[in-house]
Protein backbone atom coordinates (compact mmCIF):
# COMPACT_ATOMS: atom_id res chain seq x y z
CA MET A 1 148.02 278.67 197.48
CA ASN A 2 145.00 278.68 194.83
CA ARG A 3 141.62 278.69 196.41
CA LEU A 4 138.23 280.01 195.32
CA MET A 5 136.52 283.44 196.61
CA ARG A 6 133.34 284.31 196.61
CA LEU A 7 131.58 287.43 195.35
CA LYS A 8 131.61 289.11 199.09
CA GLU A 9 135.32 288.29 199.86
CA VAL A 10 136.48 289.62 196.28
CA GLU A 11 134.57 293.03 196.81
CA HIS A 12 136.40 293.28 200.43
CA VAL A 13 140.01 292.02 199.25
CA LYS A 14 139.62 294.39 195.77
CA GLY A 15 137.67 297.18 197.34
CA LEU A 16 135.15 297.04 194.55
CA LYS A 17 131.31 296.75 194.61
CA ARG A 18 129.47 293.99 192.72
CA SER A 19 128.45 296.42 189.68
CA THR A 20 132.13 297.44 189.14
CA ILE A 21 133.27 294.18 189.12
CA TYR A 22 130.96 292.91 186.63
CA LYS A 23 131.53 295.83 184.74
CA LEU A 24 135.44 295.31 184.55
CA ILE A 25 134.76 291.36 183.34
CA SER A 26 132.52 292.82 180.52
CA GLU A 27 135.35 295.25 179.57
CA GLY A 28 137.84 292.10 180.01
CA ARG A 29 139.75 294.10 182.73
CA PHE A 30 138.99 291.47 185.59
CA PRO A 31 139.11 287.67 185.78
CA ILE A 32 136.23 285.41 184.76
CA GLN A 33 134.40 283.85 187.38
CA VAL A 34 134.20 280.23 187.77
CA GLN A 35 130.57 278.64 187.82
CA LEU A 36 130.09 276.66 190.95
CA GLY A 37 126.32 275.73 190.27
CA ALA A 38 123.12 277.62 188.48
CA ARG A 39 123.07 280.57 190.82
CA ALA A 40 127.02 280.30 192.63
CA ALA A 41 130.21 281.67 191.15
CA ALA A 42 133.50 282.06 192.55
CA TRP A 43 136.87 283.65 191.51
CA LYS A 44 140.31 282.04 191.81
CA SER A 45 142.55 283.77 194.47
CA ASP A 46 145.57 283.81 192.60
CA GLU A 47 144.11 285.45 189.64
CA ILE A 48 142.37 288.11 191.76
CA GLN A 49 145.50 288.83 193.72
CA GLU A 50 147.36 289.78 190.70
């Protein structure tokens, strides 16, 4: 089932902190977030589980 996960949930599931997640995104080693609004983003759960 594919749903959207906010940053706090991604941090909890992956055991990573915000700075590490964004560093991995910039290196192309973590899924890119989906923009929900001007200041809101989320990740697809199926991409996080991989």
